[in-house]
Protein backbone atom coordinates (compact mmCIF):
# COMPACT_ATOMS: atom_id res chain seq x y z
CA MET A 1 150.05 44.25 122.92
CA GLU A 2 146.72 44.72 121.56
CA ILE A 3 144.09 42.09 121.03
CA THR A 4 141.33 42.65 118.46
CA HIS A 5 138.49 40.13 117.99
CA HIS A 6 137.15 39.51 114.03
CA GLN A 7 133.61 38.53 114.86
CA GLU A 8 132.78 37.95 110.95
CA ARG A 9 135.92 35.71 110.82
CA LYS A 10 135.33 34.13 114.40
CA VAL A 11 139.10 35.10 115.52
CA PHE A 12 141.13 37.00 118.02
CA ILE A 13 144.56 38.37 116.86
CA ALA A 14 147.31 39.88 118.87
CA THR A 15 149.51 42.24 117.55
CA ASP A 16 152.26 44.80 118.81
CA ASN A 17 153.35 47.80 116.53
CA GLY A 18 151.12 46.25 113.55
CA LYS A 19 152.87 42.79 113.75
CA LYS A 20 151.04 39.82 114.21
CA LEU A 21 152.11 37.71 117.07
CA GLY A 22 149.22 35.26 117.42
CA GLU A 23 145.82 34.19 116.77
CA MET A 24 142.88 32.07 118.32
CA THR A 25 140.38 30.92 116.33
CA TYR A 26 136.90 29.50 117.27
CA THR A 27 133.53 28.20 116.19
CA LEU A 28 129.82 29.46 117.78
CA GLN A 29 127.15 26.70 117.75
CA GLY A 30 124.00 27.50 119.56
CA GLY A 31 125.04 29.45 122.59
CA THR A 32 128.56 27.38 122.88
CA VAL A 33 131.99 29.17 121.59
CA ASN A 34 134.68 26.20 121.01
CA PHE A 35 137.92 27.72 120.97
CA ASN A 36 139.58 25.56 118.37
CA HIS A 37 143.09 26.76 117.98
CA THR A 38 145.74 28.84 119.52
CA PHE A 39 148.58 29.77 117.53
CA VAL A 40 151.71 32.02 118.53
CA ASP A 41 154.71 33.11 116.46
CA PRO A 42 157.79 31.47 117.47
CA ALA A 43 159.48 34.59 118.24
CA ALA A 44 156.59 35.77 120.52
CA ARG A 45 156.14 32.52 122.88
CA GLY A 46 156.87 32.92 126.47
CA LEU A 47 155.32 36.49 126.47
CA GLY A 48 151.88 35.59 127.61
CA VAL A 49 150.09 36.20 124.05
CA ALA A 50 148.30 32.95 124.31
CA GLY A 51 146.86 33.59 127.67
CA GLU A 52 145.76 37.16 126.71
CA LEU A 53 144.26 35.82 123.56
CA VAL A 54 141.87 33.28 125.89
CA ALA A 55 141.57 35.76 128.32
CA ALA A 56 140.24 37.91 125.46
CA GLY A 57 137.75 35.23 124.14
CA ALA A 58 136.74 34.57 127.62
CA LYS A 59 135.63 37.94 128.31
CA PHE A 60 133.50 37.60 124.56
CA VAL A 61 131.94 34.63 126.02
CA GLY A 62 130.82 36.36 129.25
CA GLU A 63 129.93 39.56 128.00
CA ALA A 64 127.68 37.62 125.22
CA GLY A 65 125.93 35.30 127.66
CA TYR A 66 127.41 32.23 125.63
CA LYS A 67 129.35 29.24 127.29
CA ALA A 68 132.71 27.77 126.41
CA LYS A 69 134.44 24.79 125.71
CA ALA A 70 137.99 24.34 124.00
CA SER A 71 139.27 21.42 121.70
CA CYS A 72 142.47 23.48 121.87
CA SER A 73 144.61 22.10 124.61
CA TYR A 74 146.06 25.35 125.86
CA ALA A 75 142.78 27.18 125.87
CA ASP A 76 141.10 24.37 127.41
CA LYS A 77 143.54 24.50 130.33
CA VAL A 78 143.22 27.95 131.11
CA LEU A 79 139.61 27.88 130.42
CA LYS A 80 139.35 25.64 133.28
CA ARG A 81 141.98 26.97 135.78
CA SER A 82 140.63 30.91 135.42
CA TYR A 83 137.23 30.86 133.87
CA PRO A 84 135.29 27.82 135.12
CA GLN A 85 132.29 29.62 135.37
CA LEU A 86 131.97 29.97 131.44
CA LEU A 87 132.29 26.04 130.74
CA GLU A 88 129.54 24.44 129.28
C-alpha cells in the first residue's frame, strides 16, 4: 500500500498497485489541520487502510509544526489514542 499526499487538494490517498483503496481529506486554518473525512473502499475495509491514512496525516502535521483536530470520528479516535501530542 502506498499513501500519497496531494497537498494542493488537501487529501491523502491510499493505493495498491494503482487501485484506490481510500482517502482522507482535511482543511487547514491558521496552524490547525482538521481531518474531516475518511473513506475506505468496502473491499479494503479491515486491512488497516484508514489507520495508515491517519498515520500519514499525523506525520504531515508533526513535520509541518501544525496542530491537529478531527471532525471525522475515526480520525479523532486514532489521534487521541496514538498522537495526543499533536492535538490542539
